[in-house]
Amino acid sequence: MHIVVAGGAGAMGRVTVRALCEYDDIDLVTIADYNEARAQELAASLNSGKVQARQIDVTNEERLCQLIRGADVVLSAVDYTFNLSILQACIREKAHYADLGGLFHMTRRLMSLHAGVEAAGITAIMGMGGTPGITNILARAAADKLDRVESMKVELGCSDSTPSTAPLVAPYSIRTILDEFTKQPQVYKDGEWYPQQPLSGQEEMIFPLPVGRATAMYSLHSECATFPVSFQDKGIRSVTFKIAFPTDFMTKLTFLVTLGFGSDEPITVRGVKVSPREMLAKLLEMAPVEDVEPQDCDVLRVVTSGTAGGQQVEITNQVVVLPYRRWNVGAGALDTGVPLAIAGRMLANGEITRRGALGPELCVPVEPFFRELAKYDMHVTETRTLAVS
């Protein structure tokens, strides 16, 4: 089995590559990255005969098709804005595909290619990281126990006490986060999607420690795009997504966005046009990488309400993710990179059989997926509440 990881030398992609290397039945893992030196460095550090590094610009269709030709699966760990190019190449080369999510709008664009994906005889999974990804399978597990689904609330709580001298540390791609801070989040209700104001819907939530009490807000996420489609046969009427960033990060980035650093509209500075967003991203990239032990935590939670046997039921499925000491990687990288690897292997070995462009909740087998997660200390807990009449 040959699996290509686009963006495989990035913060999340390198975790995916590492997880893939631990499967004995995977013969070859290609680390495909724009930064060839970084890809070569990662390949050398893994000291594995099944890994190779390749330079790739995913916007170059011909080179991309050449790279993935003959591969069983392509996993996209690049910025979500490039997912369309990669999926189109996979359709052309008949290689299975999975990504880390498309921040709602890109996910919907990729879902619109369902007929072409199906005709190619492949599966394309829309959003297979932590959230979307793990949360989608948590939702599937709950829906399977209900006769009817009324609502699904996806909630993500984050904390990070990792010591750092950097003025701002982004838990994942700063460009994606800036989109979450500036683009209108979508809420699904009674058959329609309703745009909300950025940073709105703030609500105090209580998560397991070390996250604890935190303020969550609406965010633009792919679960709100796929759940209404995937669970329409269960009668779903409401889907929301809220995220609680670490307080310090939230305060600092809100301030920077208010100043205008969330904008991609170029401004002229001393006769030179610059994008405020790209300038901020570049400054953060230039910050020195500190070799410290990660101390972050993610709580991934889906609260599903519905009926079973004529009784009103609420099912809360949750995963508390802590740093993975064996690899010395943080919770956020672990719960993003590992699920993509699990799904990649399932696609390659035939465990996933449904074809088309789908949310993970429609094609990833629940119990086998949870068993693989548990190998990395990510354990699912379920709480069920029955309404008393």
Protein backbone atom coordinates (compact mmCIF):
# COMPACT_ATOMS: atom_id res chain seq x y z
CA MET A 1 0.00 0.00 0.00
CA HIS A 2 1.30 3.43 -0.99
CA ILE A 3 -0.02 6.57 0.72
CA VAL A 4 0.92 10.14 -0.23
CA VAL A 5 0.66 12.85 2.43
CA ALA A 6 0.44 16.32 0.86
CA GLY A 7 1.82 18.83 3.34
CA GLY A 8 3.45 15.88 5.06
CA ALA A 9 6.25 17.94 6.57
CA GLY A 10 3.90 20.43 8.23
CA ALA A 11 2.90 20.52 11.88
CA MET A 12 -0.07 18.17 11.40
CA GLY A 13 1.11 16.23 8.36
CA ARG A 14 4.26 15.02 10.09
CA VAL A 15 2.12 13.39 12.79
CA THR A 16 0.09 11.67 10.06
CA VAL A 17 3.30 10.40 8.44
CA ARG A 18 4.62 9.12 11.75
CA ALA A 19 1.40 7.24 12.49
CA LEU A 20 1.35 5.70 9.00
CA CYS A 21 4.90 4.43 9.47
CA GLU A 22 3.78 2.36 12.45
CA TYR A 23 1.49 0.20 10.30
CA ASP A 24 3.29 -2.91 9.08
CA ASP A 25 0.97 -3.33 6.08
CA ILE A 26 1.79 0.08 4.60
CA ASP A 27 4.68 -0.31 2.18
CA LEU A 28 5.43 3.28 1.18
CA VAL A 29 4.67 6.73 2.59
CA THR A 30 5.48 9.74 0.41
CA ILE A 31 6.07 13.00 2.26
CA ALA A 32 4.99 15.53 -0.36
CA ASP A 33 5.70 19.10 0.66
CA TYR A 34 6.41 22.47 -0.93
CA ASN A 35 9.42 22.75 1.40
CA GLU A 36 11.62 19.94 0.13
CA ALA A 37 14.35 20.47 2.73
CA ARG A 38 11.84 20.12 5.55
CA ALA A 39 10.41 16.96 3.95
CA GLN A 40 13.89 15.43 3.58
CA GLU A 41 14.71 16.31 7.19
CA LEU A 42 11.56 14.59 8.43
CA ALA A 43 12.21 11.51 6.31
CA ALA A 44 15.74 11.22 7.69
CA SER A 45 14.54 11.60 11.29
CA LEU A 46 12.08 8.73 10.91
CA ASN A 47 14.84 6.33 9.87
CA SER A 48 12.38 4.16 7.96
CA GLY A 49 12.87 2.37 4.68
CA LYS A 50 9.21 2.91 3.78
CA VAL A 51 9.44 6.73 3.64
CA GLN A 52 10.38 8.98 0.73
CA ALA A 53 10.33 12.78 0.40
CA ARG A 54 9.18 14.69 -2.68
CA GLN A 55 8.82 18.39 -3.45
CA ILE A 56 5.42 19.42 -4.77
CA ASP A 57 3.44 22.51 -5.62
CA VAL A 58 -0.15 21.28 -5.42
CA THR A 59 -1.32 24.02 -7.79
CA ASN A 60 0.73 22.40 -10.58
CA GLU A 61 -1.82 19.87 -11.83
CA GLU A 62 0.46 17.86 -14.09
CA ARG A 63 3.22 17.47 -11.52
CA LEU A 64 0.67 16.64 -8.84
CA CYS A 65 -0.89 13.93 -11.00
CA GLN A 66 2.54 12.49 -11.75
CA LEU A 67 3.35 12.41 -8.06
CA ILE A 68 0.20 10.55 -6.99
CA ARG A 69 -0.02 8.24 -10.01
CA GLY A 70 -0.18 4.66 -8.77
CA ALA A 71 -0.74 5.63 -5.13
CA ASP A 72 -3.61 4.02 -3.25
CA VAL A 73 -4.50 7.05 -1.13
CA VAL A 74 -3.71 10.77 -0.99
CA LEU A 75 -4.08 12.57 2.34
CA SER A 76 -4.27 16.37 2.33
CA ALA A 77 -2.65 18.14 5.27
CA VAL A 78 -2.13 21.40 3.36
CA ASP A 79 -3.99 24.65 3.87
CA TYR A 80 -7.65 23.87 3.14
CA THR A 81 -7.79 26.34 0.25
CA PHE A 82 -5.75 23.86 -1.85
CA ASN A 83 -7.99 20.84 -1.22
CA LEU A 84 -9.95 21.24 -4.44
CA SER A 85 -6.83 20.94 -6.60
CA ILE A 86 -5.77 17.78 -4.81
CA LEU A 87 -9.17 16.11 -5.02
CA GLN A 88 -9.44 16.88 -8.73
CA ALA A 89 -6.07 15.18 -9.26
CA CYS A 90 -7.24 12.18 -7.23
CA ILE A 91 -10.34 11.85 -9.41
CA ARG A 92 -8.16 11.93 -12.49
CA GLU A 93 -5.70 9.34 -11.10
CA LYS A 94 -8.36 7.26 -9.29
CA ALA A 95 -6.73 7.52 -5.87
CA HIS A 96 -8.71 7.66 -2.64
CA TYR A 97 -8.63 10.99 -0.80
CA ALA A 98 -9.10 12.45 2.69
CA ASP A 99 -8.43 15.91 4.12
CA LEU A 100 -8.45 17.77 7.42
CA GLY A 101 -11.54 19.82 6.59
CA GLY A 102 -12.58 22.67 4.35
CA LEU A 103 -13.93 25.23 6.82
CA PHE A 104 -17.53 24.69 5.64
CA HIS A 105 -17.44 26.35 2.21
CA MET A 106 -14.59 24.31 0.71
CA THR A 107 -16.15 21.17 2.14
CA ARG A 108 -19.40 21.96 0.35
CA ARG A 109 -17.52 22.57 -2.90
CA LEU A 110 -15.84 19.19 -2.59
CA MET A 111 -19.14 17.48 -1.72
CA SER A 112 -20.57 18.85 -4.97
CA LEU A 113 -18.06 16.62 -6.80
CA HIS A 114 -19.74 13.52 -5.38
CA ALA A 115 -20.89 12.16 -8.76
CA GLY A 116 -17.43 12.50 -10.29
CA VAL A 117 -15.76 10.92 -7.26
CA GLU A 118 -18.22 8.04 -7.31
CA ALA A 119 -17.75 7.53 -11.06
CA ALA A 120 -13.99 7.31 -10.52
CA GLY A 121 -14.63 4.45 -8.09
CA ILE A 122 -12.95 6.21 -5.18
CA THR A 123 -13.84 7.58 -1.76
CA ALA A 124 -13.16 11.20 -0.77
CA ILE A 125 -13.54 11.92 2.95
CA MET A 126 -14.33 15.52 3.82
CA GLY A 127 -12.72 16.40 7.17
CA MET A 128 -10.74 13.64 8.89
CA GLY A 129 -8.74 15.32 11.65
CA GLY A 130 -9.89 16.10 15.17
CA THR A 131 -12.74 18.45 14.46
CA PRO A 132 -13.89 17.75 11.85
CA GLY A 133 -12.96 14.10 12.00
CA ILE A 134 -13.16 12.54 15.45
CA THR A 135 -16.24 14.65 16.15
CA ASN A 136 -17.94 13.25 13.04
CA ILE A 137 -17.49 9.70 14.27
CA LEU A 138 -18.70 10.71 17.75
CA ALA A 139 -21.83 12.03 16.04
CA ARG A 140 -22.27 8.82 14.04
CA ALA A 141 -21.96 6.72 17.19
CA ALA A 142 -24.75 8.71 18.85
CA ALA A 143 -27.01 8.78 15.79
CA ASP A 144 -26.82 4.99 15.47
CA LYS A 145 -28.42 4.68 18.92
CA LEU A 146 -31.33 7.00 18.15
CA ASP A 147 -34.46 6.51 16.08
CA ARG A 148 -34.61 10.23 15.41
CA VAL A 149 -32.01 13.00 15.71
CA GLU A 150 -33.20 16.50 16.53
CA SER A 151 -29.96 18.41 17.14
CA MET A 152 -26.20 18.05 17.27
CA LYS A 153 -23.95 20.49 19.10
CA VAL A 154 -20.24 20.15 18.40
CA GLU A 155 -18.07 21.69 21.11
CA LEU A 156 -14.27 22.04 21.25
CA GLY A 157 -12.46 23.20 24.36
CA CYS A 158 -8.73 24.00 24.26
CA SER A 159 -6.14 24.84 26.89
CA ASP A 160 -2.39 25.31 26.59
CA SER A 161 0.06 25.92 29.41
CA THR A 162 3.16 25.05 27.38
CA PRO A 163 5.96 27.45 28.40
CA SER A 164 6.89 29.76 25.54
CA THR A 165 8.67 33.05 24.99
CA ALA A 166 6.68 33.68 21.78
CA PRO A 167 4.13 36.48 22.04
CA LEU A 168 1.45 34.39 20.27
CA VAL A 169 1.30 30.64 19.65
CA ALA A 170 -1.37 29.37 17.27
CA PRO A 171 -2.76 25.89 18.07
CA TYR A 172 -3.01 25.17 14.33
CA SER A 173 -2.79 27.02 11.00
CA ILE A 174 -3.00 30.74 11.74
CA ARG A 175 -4.58 31.34 8.33
CA THR A 176 -7.40 28.94 9.13
CA ILE A 177 -7.88 30.50 12.57
CA LEU A 178 -8.00 33.99 11.06
CA ASP A 179 -10.79 32.75 8.78
CA GLU A 180 -12.62 31.49 11.87
CA PHE A 181 -12.26 34.93 13.45
CA THR A 182 -13.34 36.91 10.40
CA LYS A 183 -15.72 34.80 8.29
CA GLN A 184 -19.37 34.28 9.15
CA PRO A 185 -19.99 30.98 10.97
CA GLN A 186 -22.93 28.93 9.74
CA VAL A 187 -25.71 27.52 11.92
CA TYR A 188 -28.09 24.92 10.49
CA LYS A 189 -31.74 25.10 11.53
CA ASP A 190 -34.87 23.54 10.04
CA GLY A 191 -33.47 22.92 6.58
CA GLU A 192 -31.51 26.17 6.16
CA TRP A 193 -28.05 27.50 6.95
CA TYR A 194 -27.99 30.86 8.71
CA PRO A 195 -24.83 33.00 8.77
CA GLN A 196 -23.84 34.44 12.15
CA GLN A 197 -21.55 37.32 13.02
CA PRO A 198 -17.88 36.37 13.56
CA LEU A 199 -17.01 35.85 17.26
CA SER A 200 -20.71 35.68 18.15
CA GLY A 201 -22.70 33.16 20.19
CA GLN A 202 -20.35 33.39 23.15
CA GLU A 203 -21.32 30.93 25.85
CA GLU A 204 -19.63 29.73 29.02
CA MET A 205 -19.06 25.97 28.99
CA ILE A 206 -17.56 23.54 31.47
CA PHE A 207 -15.10 21.01 30.07
CA PRO A 208 -13.08 18.36 31.91
CA LEU A 209 -9.82 19.61 33.42
CA PRO A 210 -7.35 20.92 32.50
CA VAL A 211 -9.59 22.95 30.16
CA GLY A 212 -12.26 23.60 32.79
CA ARG A 213 -14.56 26.58 32.48
CA ALA A 214 -14.15 28.37 29.15
CA THR A 215 -15.97 30.76 26.83
CA ALA A 216 -16.92 29.24 23.49
CA MET A 217 -18.07 30.99 20.32
CA TYR A 218 -19.55 30.02 16.97
CA SER A 219 -16.99 29.00 14.37
CA LEU A 220 -17.08 28.18 10.68
CA HIS A 221 -16.56 24.39 10.60
CA SER A 222 -17.22 21.49 8.27
CA GLU A 223 -19.48 19.52 10.63
CA CYS A 224 -22.19 22.10 10.00
CA ALA A 225 -21.85 21.35 6.28
CA THR A 226 -21.91 17.54 6.38
CA PHE A 227 -24.18 16.62 9.34
CA PRO A 228 -27.40 18.03 7.82
CA VAL A 229 -26.77 15.92 4.71
CA SER A 230 -25.50 12.79 6.44
CA PHE A 231 -28.24 12.62 9.07
CA GLN A 232 -31.19 13.90 7.05
CA ASP A 233 -32.74 10.41 7.14
CA LYS A 234 -32.84 10.76 10.94
CA GLY A 235 -34.71 14.07 10.66
CA ILE A 236 -31.95 16.34 11.98
CA ARG A 237 -33.11 19.93 12.48
CA SER A 238 -30.22 21.77 14.14
CA VAL A 239 -26.40 21.70 13.94
CA THR A 240 -24.01 24.12 15.63
CA PHE A 241 -20.27 24.30 16.22
CA LYS A 242 -18.58 26.25 19.01
CA ILE A 243 -14.93 26.51 19.98
CA ALA A 244 -13.26 27.74 23.17
CA PHE A 245 -9.69 28.86 22.50
CA PRO A 246 -7.24 29.40 25.37
CA THR A 247 -8.16 32.73 26.99
CA ASP A 248 -4.80 34.42 26.41
CA PHE A 249 -4.74 33.42 22.74
CA MET A 250 -8.34 34.54 22.24
CA THR A 251 -7.65 37.96 23.78
CA LYS A 252 -4.51 38.60 21.77
CA LEU A 253 -5.85 37.45 18.41
CA THR A 254 -9.14 39.31 18.85
CA PHE A 255 -7.09 42.47 19.42
CA LEU A 256 -4.99 41.84 16.29
CA VAL A 257 -8.07 41.12 14.18
CA THR A 258 -9.69 44.31 15.47
CA LEU A 259 -6.59 46.21 14.34
CA GLY A 260 -7.03 44.74 10.85
CA PHE A 261 -4.56 41.85 10.79
CA GLY A 262 -7.32 39.42 9.81
CA SER A 263 -7.75 41.13 6.44
CA ASP A 264 -6.22 39.79 3.23
CA GLU A 265 -6.90 43.09 1.44
CA PRO A 266 -3.49 44.60 0.60
CA ILE A 267 -2.58 47.95 2.14
CA THR A 268 0.20 50.26 1.03
CA VAL A 269 3.06 50.68 3.49
CA ARG A 270 5.80 53.08 2.35
CA GLY A 271 4.92 52.43 -1.26
CA VAL A 272 4.77 48.63 -0.91
CA LYS A 273 1.52 46.66 -1.00
CA VAL A 274 1.28 44.09 1.79
CA SER A 275 -1.45 41.81 3.10
CA PRO A 276 -1.94 42.35 6.85
CA ARG A 277 -2.92 38.71 7.26
CA GLU A 278 0.09 37.37 5.40
CA MET A 279 2.40 39.71 7.30
CA LEU A 280 1.08 38.39 10.61
CA ALA A 281 1.39 34.78 9.41
CA LYS A 282 4.97 35.39 8.27
CA LEU A 283 5.95 36.99 11.58
CA LEU A 284 4.57 34.02 13.47
CA GLU A 285 6.42 31.62 11.17
CA MET A 286 9.66 33.48 11.88
CA ALA A 287 9.34 32.96 15.63
CA PRO A 288 11.97 30.46 16.85
CA VAL A 289 10.78 26.90 17.39
CA GLU A 290 11.17 26.01 21.05
CA ASP A 291 12.00 22.47 22.07
CA VAL A 292 9.79 22.17 25.12
CA GLU A 293 7.41 19.55 26.44
CA PRO A 294 3.86 20.32 25.21
CA GLN A 295 1.24 20.92 27.90
CA ASP A 296 -1.94 21.44 25.90
CA CYS A 297 -5.31 19.71 25.99
CA ASP A 298 -8.25 19.36 23.61
CA VAL A 299 -11.73 18.26 24.60
CA LEU A 300 -13.76 17.11 21.60
CA ARG A 301 -17.46 16.82 22.40
CA VAL A 302 -20.69 16.18 20.51
CA VAL A 303 -24.04 16.56 22.27
CA THR A 304 -26.81 14.80 20.34
CA SER A 305 -30.49 15.12 21.22
CA GLY A 306 -33.23 12.91 19.83
CA THR A 307 -35.54 10.04 20.59
CA ALA A 308 -35.09 6.30 21.08
CA GLY A 309 -37.97 3.94 21.74
CA GLY A 310 -40.31 6.89 22.04
CA GLN A 311 -38.27 8.51 24.81
CA GLN A 312 -36.35 11.78 24.68
CA VAL A 313 -32.61 11.11 24.95
CA GLU A 314 -29.45 13.24 25.04
CA ILE A 315 -26.15 11.50 24.27
CA THR A 316 -22.84 13.24 24.97
CA ASN A 317 -19.81 11.62 23.35
CA GLN A 318 -16.45 13.04 24.32
CA VAL A 319 -12.69 12.56 23.94
CA VAL A 320 -10.14 14.26 26.20
CA VAL A 321 -6.81 14.51 24.39
CA LEU A 322 -3.49 15.12 26.15
CA PRO A 323 0.06 15.33 24.76
CA TYR A 324 1.49 12.06 23.48
CA ARG A 325 4.75 11.63 25.37
CA ARG A 326 6.12 8.81 23.21
CA TRP A 327 6.43 11.26 20.32
CA ASN A 328 6.56 14.45 22.40
CA VAL A 329 3.71 15.98 20.38
CA GLY A 330 0.89 18.14 21.68
CA ALA A 331 -2.76 17.20 21.93
CA GLY A 332 -3.80 19.41 19.02
CA ALA A 333 -1.30 17.85 16.63
CA LEU A 334 -2.09 14.33 17.85
CA ASP A 335 -5.88 14.52 17.47
CA THR A 336 -5.51 16.13 14.05
CA GLY A 337 -2.75 14.05 12.47
CA VAL A 338 -3.54 10.57 13.77
CA PRO A 339 -7.18 10.31 12.58
CA LEU A 340 -6.09 11.20 9.06
CA ALA A 341 -3.59 8.34 9.16
CA ILE A 342 -6.20 5.89 10.50
CA ALA A 343 -8.62 6.79 7.73
CA GLY A 344 -5.84 6.64 5.13
CA ARG A 345 -5.01 3.08 6.08
CA MET A 346 -8.70 2.11 6.13
CA LEU A 347 -9.05 3.47 2.61
CA ALA A 348 -5.95 1.65 1.41
CA ASN A 349 -6.80 -1.75 2.92
CA GLY A 350 -10.46 -1.74 1.88
CA GLU A 351 -12.08 -1.27 5.31
CA ILE A 352 -13.87 1.77 3.87
CA THR A 353 -16.05 0.66 0.99
CA ARG A 354 -18.59 3.40 0.33
CA ARG A 355 -17.72 5.55 -2.70
CA GLY A 356 -18.25 9.26 -3.34
CA ALA A 357 -17.46 12.57 -1.61
CA LEU A 358 -18.65 12.03 1.93
CA GLY A 359 -18.41 13.22 5.50
CA PRO A 360 -16.50 10.74 7.70
CA GLU A 361 -19.75 9.90 9.50
CA LEU A 362 -21.02 8.17 6.35
CA CYS A 363 -18.09 5.91 5.59
CA VAL A 364 -15.64 5.41 8.47
CA PRO A 365 -16.48 2.32 10.59
CA VAL A 366 -17.10 3.51 14.14
CA GLU A 367 -15.74 0.80 16.42
CA PRO A 368 -12.57 0.01 14.41
CA PHE A 369 -11.82 3.75 14.30
CA PHE A 370 -12.28 4.14 18.06
CA ARG A 371 -10.02 1.13 18.69
CA GLU A 372 -7.26 2.74 16.66
CA LEU A 373 -7.69 6.06 18.50
CA ALA A 374 -7.33 4.28 21.84
CA LYS A 375 -3.85 3.11 20.84
CA TYR A 376 -2.82 6.76 21.11
CA ASP A 377 -4.54 7.30 24.48
CA MET A 378 -7.58 8.93 22.90
CA HIS A 379 -10.55 7.26 24.57
CA VAL A 380 -14.25 7.87 23.91
CA THR A 381 -16.68 8.28 26.80
CA GLU A 382 -20.46 8.34 26.49
CA THR A 383 -23.00 9.94 28.82
CA ARG A 384 -26.68 9.33 28.25
CA THR A 385 -29.46 11.42 29.80
CA LEU A 386 -33.12 10.39 29.64
CA ALA A 387 -35.89 12.96 29.89
CA VAL A 388 -38.26 12.42 32.84
CA SER A 389 -41.88 12.99 31.90
